[in-house]
N, C-alpha and C. Protein backbone atom coordinates (compact mmCIF):
# COMPACT_ATOMS: atom_id res chain seq x y z
N MET A 1 -70.28 103.79 -15.88
CA MET A 1 -70.18 102.28 -16.46
C MET A 1 -70.20 102.53 -18.02
N ASN A 2 -69.28 102.04 -18.70
CA ASN A 2 -69.17 102.22 -20.14
C ASN A 2 -69.95 101.05 -20.85
N ASP A 3 -70.04 101.23 -22.01
CA ASP A 3 -70.82 100.30 -22.92
C ASP A 3 -70.21 98.89 -22.95
N LEU A 4 -69.01 98.85 -23.01
CA LEU A 4 -68.26 97.40 -22.92
C LEU A 4 -68.60 96.63 -21.72
N THR A 5 -68.55 97.38 -20.57
CA THR A 5 -68.95 96.80 -19.25
C THR A 5 -70.26 96.29 -19.30
N LYS A 6 -71.23 97.09 -19.76
CA LYS A 6 -72.71 96.57 -19.92
C LYS A 6 -72.84 95.42 -20.73
N ILE A 7 -72.13 95.38 -21.90
CA ILE A 7 -72.16 94.28 -22.75
C ILE A 7 -71.58 92.95 -22.06
N LEU A 8 -70.59 93.07 -21.48
CA LEU A 8 -69.92 91.99 -20.66
C LEU A 8 -70.91 91.46 -19.57
N ILE A 9 -71.43 92.36 -18.82
CA ILE A 9 -72.56 91.91 -17.87
C ILE A 9 -73.53 91.09 -18.41
N TRP A 10 -74.19 91.61 -19.59
CA TRP A 10 -75.21 90.95 -20.36
C TRP A 10 -74.84 89.64 -20.88
N VAL A 11 -73.54 89.60 -21.38
CA VAL A 11 -73.05 88.25 -21.78
C VAL A 11 -72.91 87.22 -20.67
N VAL A 12 -72.38 87.73 -19.42
CA VAL A 12 -72.29 86.94 -18.24
C VAL A 12 -73.67 86.32 -17.93
N VAL A 13 -74.69 87.31 -17.78
CA VAL A 13 -76.14 86.99 -17.47
C VAL A 13 -76.75 85.88 -18.42
N VAL A 14 -76.63 86.14 -19.66
CA VAL A 14 -77.20 85.36 -20.53
C VAL A 14 -76.52 83.91 -20.64
N GLY A 15 -75.18 83.98 -20.45
CA GLY A 15 -74.45 82.73 -20.28
C GLY A 15 -74.84 81.90 -19.06
N ALA A 16 -75.03 82.60 -17.85
CA ALA A 16 -75.46 81.91 -16.72
C ALA A 16 -76.82 81.36 -16.88
N VAL A 17 -77.78 82.04 -17.43
CA VAL A 17 -79.21 81.50 -17.81
C VAL A 17 -79.21 80.41 -18.63
N PHE A 18 -78.26 80.42 -19.68
CA PHE A 18 -78.22 79.28 -20.66
C PHE A 18 -77.57 78.12 -19.76
N ALA A 19 -76.51 78.27 -19.06
CA ALA A 19 -75.86 77.20 -18.29
C ALA A 19 -76.83 76.53 -17.37
N PHE A 20 -77.76 77.32 -16.76
CA PHE A 20 -78.64 76.78 -15.75
C PHE A 20 -79.68 76.08 -16.48
N LEU A 21 -80.22 76.63 -17.55
CA LEU A 21 -81.23 75.76 -18.32
C LEU A 21 -80.71 74.56 -18.82
N TRP A 22 -79.38 74.54 -19.34
CA TRP A 22 -78.81 73.35 -19.85
C TRP A 22 -78.59 72.29 -18.73
N TRP A 23 -78.33 72.74 -17.52
CA TRP A 23 -78.01 71.91 -16.35
C TRP A 23 -79.37 71.19 -15.89
N ARG A 24 -80.47 71.98 -15.92
CA ARG A 24 -81.78 71.60 -15.56
C ARG A 24 -82.34 70.72 -16.52
N GLY A 25 -81.78 70.56 -17.74
CA GLY A 25 -82.50 69.90 -18.86
C GLY A 25 -83.52 70.45 -19.67
N HIS A 26 -83.74 71.80 -19.32
CA HIS A 26 -84.79 72.42 -20.05
C HIS A 26 -84.52 72.76 -21.59
N LEU A 27 -83.34 72.83 -21.85
CA LEU A 27 -82.85 72.96 -23.38
C LEU A 27 -83.20 71.75 -24.11
N LYS A 28 -82.94 70.60 -23.47
CA LYS A 28 -83.01 69.41 -24.16
C LYS A 28 -84.72 69.15 -24.33
N ARG A 29 -85.42 69.53 -23.44
CA ARG A 29 -86.83 69.38 -23.55
C ARG A 29 -87.50 70.40 -24.57
N LEU A 30 -86.78 71.55 -24.56
CA LEU A 30 -87.13 72.50 -25.65
C LEU A 30 -86.87 71.95 -27.03
N ALA A 31 -85.73 71.34 -27.18
CA ALA A 31 -85.29 70.86 -28.43
C ALA A 31 -86.08 69.73 -28.86
N THR A 32 -86.55 68.89 -27.96
CA THR A 32 -87.49 67.80 -28.31
C THR A 32 -88.89 68.27 -28.72
N TYR A 33 -89.31 69.30 -28.04
CA TYR A 33 -90.56 69.99 -28.37
C TYR A 33 -90.55 70.39 -29.84
N VAL A 34 -89.52 71.26 -30.09
CA VAL A 34 -89.37 71.75 -31.43
C VAL A 34 -89.39 70.74 -32.45
N ALA A 35 -88.69 69.66 -32.32
CA ALA A 35 -88.42 68.70 -33.25
C ALA A 35 -89.86 67.81 -33.39
N GLN A 36 -90.60 67.65 -32.40
CA GLN A 36 -91.87 66.98 -32.48
C GLN A 36 -92.90 67.95 -33.15
N THR A 37 -92.83 69.26 -32.91
CA THR A 37 -93.61 70.20 -33.52
C THR A 37 -93.37 70.13 -35.05
N ARG A 38 -92.11 70.23 -35.42
CA ARG A 38 -91.82 70.12 -36.79
C ARG A 38 -92.26 68.85 -37.48
N GLU A 39 -92.23 67.62 -36.77
CA GLU A 39 -92.61 66.46 -37.43
C GLU A 39 -94.18 66.47 -37.63
N GLU A 40 -94.87 66.98 -36.71
CA GLU A 40 -96.38 67.18 -36.77
C GLU A 40 -96.70 68.10 -37.89
N LEU A 41 -96.11 69.17 -38.18
CA LEU A 41 -96.33 70.09 -39.04
C LEU A 41 -96.10 69.54 -40.46
N LYS A 42 -95.20 68.59 -40.60
CA LYS A 42 -94.99 67.96 -41.90
C LYS A 42 -96.22 67.08 -42.30
N LYS A 43 -96.83 66.61 -41.23
CA LYS A 43 -98.09 65.76 -41.60
C LYS A 43 -99.26 66.67 -41.94
N CYS A 44 -99.28 67.92 -41.71
CA CYS A 44 -100.46 68.67 -42.16
C CYS A 44 -100.55 68.86 -43.60
N THR A 45 -101.77 69.16 -43.93
CA THR A 45 -102.02 69.41 -45.36
C THR A 45 -102.37 70.94 -45.42
N TRP A 46 -101.62 71.65 -46.19
CA TRP A 46 -101.79 72.95 -46.29
C TRP A 46 -102.69 73.38 -47.48
N PRO A 47 -103.46 74.53 -47.35
CA PRO A 47 -104.37 74.79 -48.47
C PRO A 47 -103.53 75.26 -49.60
N THR A 48 -104.23 75.04 -50.87
CA THR A 48 -103.71 75.47 -52.05
C THR A 48 -103.96 77.07 -52.10
N TRP A 49 -103.34 77.72 -53.07
CA TRP A 49 -103.42 79.19 -53.40
C TRP A 49 -104.89 79.46 -53.55
N ASP A 50 -105.50 78.60 -54.42
CA ASP A 50 -107.04 78.92 -54.74
C ASP A 50 -107.86 78.78 -53.50
N GLU A 51 -107.73 77.75 -52.73
CA GLU A 51 -108.35 77.60 -51.32
C GLU A 51 -108.25 78.69 -50.36
N LEU A 52 -107.06 79.22 -50.40
CA LEU A 52 -106.70 80.35 -49.51
C LEU A 52 -107.29 81.51 -49.90
N LYS A 53 -107.40 81.77 -51.28
CA LYS A 53 -108.14 83.11 -51.75
C LYS A 53 -109.56 82.94 -51.58
N GLY A 54 -110.06 81.67 -51.70
CA GLY A 54 -111.53 81.60 -51.46
C GLY A 54 -111.94 81.68 -50.04
N SER A 55 -111.04 81.15 -49.05
CA SER A 55 -111.29 81.29 -47.64
C SER A 55 -111.15 82.87 -47.24
N THR A 56 -110.29 83.57 -47.89
CA THR A 56 -110.19 84.88 -47.48
C THR A 56 -111.35 85.85 -48.00
N VAL A 57 -111.76 85.42 -49.13
CA VAL A 57 -112.98 86.23 -49.62
C VAL A 57 -114.23 85.92 -48.59
N ILE A 58 -114.42 84.66 -48.17
CA ILE A 58 -115.46 84.27 -47.28
C ILE A 58 -115.39 84.99 -45.99
N VAL A 59 -114.04 85.16 -45.47
CA VAL A 59 -113.86 85.77 -44.31
C VAL A 59 -114.10 87.30 -44.30
N MET A 60 -113.78 87.86 -45.50
CA MET A 60 -114.18 89.31 -45.80
C MET A 60 -115.58 89.52 -45.82
N ILE A 61 -116.33 88.70 -46.56
CA ILE A 61 -117.72 88.92 -46.62
C ILE A 61 -118.35 88.75 -45.33
N SER A 62 -118.00 87.73 -44.50
CA SER A 62 -118.48 87.45 -43.20
C SER A 62 -118.17 88.88 -42.18
N ILE A 63 -117.13 89.33 -42.45
CA ILE A 63 -116.78 90.55 -41.59
C ILE A 63 -117.66 91.82 -42.00
N VAL A 64 -117.92 91.90 -43.30
CA VAL A 64 -118.82 93.02 -43.76
C VAL A 64 -120.19 92.66 -43.20
N ILE A 65 -120.55 91.45 -43.27
CA ILE A 65 -122.03 91.15 -42.84
C ILE A 65 -122.10 91.29 -41.41
N LEU A 66 -121.19 90.94 -40.64
CA LEU A 66 -121.20 91.13 -39.05
C LEU A 66 -121.08 92.65 -38.85
N GLY A 67 -120.33 93.42 -39.49
CA GLY A 67 -120.29 94.83 -39.28
C GLY A 67 -121.72 95.51 -39.53
N ILE A 68 -122.15 95.20 -40.70
CA ILE A 68 -123.62 95.58 -41.15
C ILE A 68 -124.63 95.32 -39.87
N PHE A 69 -124.59 94.03 -39.47
CA PHE A 69 -125.52 93.70 -38.48
C PHE A 69 -125.27 94.30 -37.10
N THR A 70 -123.91 94.73 -36.77
CA THR A 70 -123.57 95.31 -35.61
C THR A 70 -124.26 96.74 -35.77
N VAL A 71 -124.01 97.38 -36.82
CA VAL A 71 -124.63 98.78 -37.00
C VAL A 71 -126.04 98.94 -36.82
N ILE A 72 -126.65 97.92 -37.47
CA ILE A 72 -128.13 97.96 -37.40
C ILE A 72 -128.60 97.76 -35.94
N VAL A 73 -128.17 96.80 -35.30
CA VAL A 73 -128.52 96.49 -33.87
C VAL A 73 -128.21 97.71 -33.10
N ASP A 74 -126.98 98.38 -33.27
CA ASP A 74 -126.59 99.51 -32.36
C ASP A 74 -127.73 100.63 -32.75
N GLN A 75 -128.03 100.78 -33.97
CA GLN A 75 -128.94 101.79 -34.29
C GLN A 75 -130.27 101.54 -33.57
N ILE A 76 -130.60 100.37 -33.64
CA ILE A 76 -132.15 100.01 -33.11
C ILE A 76 -131.97 100.21 -31.50
N PHE A 77 -131.02 99.78 -30.84
CA PHE A 77 -130.85 100.11 -29.34
C PHE A 77 -130.69 101.43 -29.22
N PHE A 78 -130.10 102.10 -29.99
CA PHE A 78 -129.88 103.69 -29.67
C PHE A 78 -131.19 104.30 -29.84
N GLN A 79 -132.10 104.00 -30.83
CA GLN A 79 -133.36 104.51 -30.99
C GLN A 79 -134.27 104.02 -29.74
N ILE A 80 -134.25 102.97 -29.23
CA ILE A 80 -135.12 102.40 -28.25
C ILE A 80 -134.59 103.32 -26.94
N PHE A 81 -133.27 103.32 -26.54
CA PHE A 81 -132.92 104.14 -25.46
C PHE A 81 -133.07 105.62 -25.47
N PHE A 82 -133.05 106.21 -26.69
CA PHE A 82 -133.37 107.57 -26.86
C PHE A 82 -134.86 107.90 -26.61
N LYS A 83 -135.83 106.98 -27.09
CA LYS A 83 -137.17 107.20 -26.73
C LYS A 83 -137.54 106.94 -25.24
N ILE A 84 -136.86 105.92 -24.62
CA ILE A 84 -136.95 105.81 -23.30
C ILE A 84 -136.60 107.01 -22.50
N LEU A 85 -135.39 107.54 -22.69
CA LEU A 85 -134.98 108.69 -21.95
C LEU A 85 -135.53 109.94 -22.66
């Protein structure tokens, strides 16, 4: 089977799936969903650049604190289990 035949088979398969979805009304529902989602996103307030930078710094600090806490707790449990065994 050559490449052209494979491409034609895929075109027919994709076309059949598209036709089936159109016939069942799924494409119209998808288009409605996308349109409604876009309308809702227009209502959102997006953070300013300074707010975004501040939030990023807070997240980075939180990750470092959580990492340090995890290492400390891990070391404590390691010492407890080491002394038990």
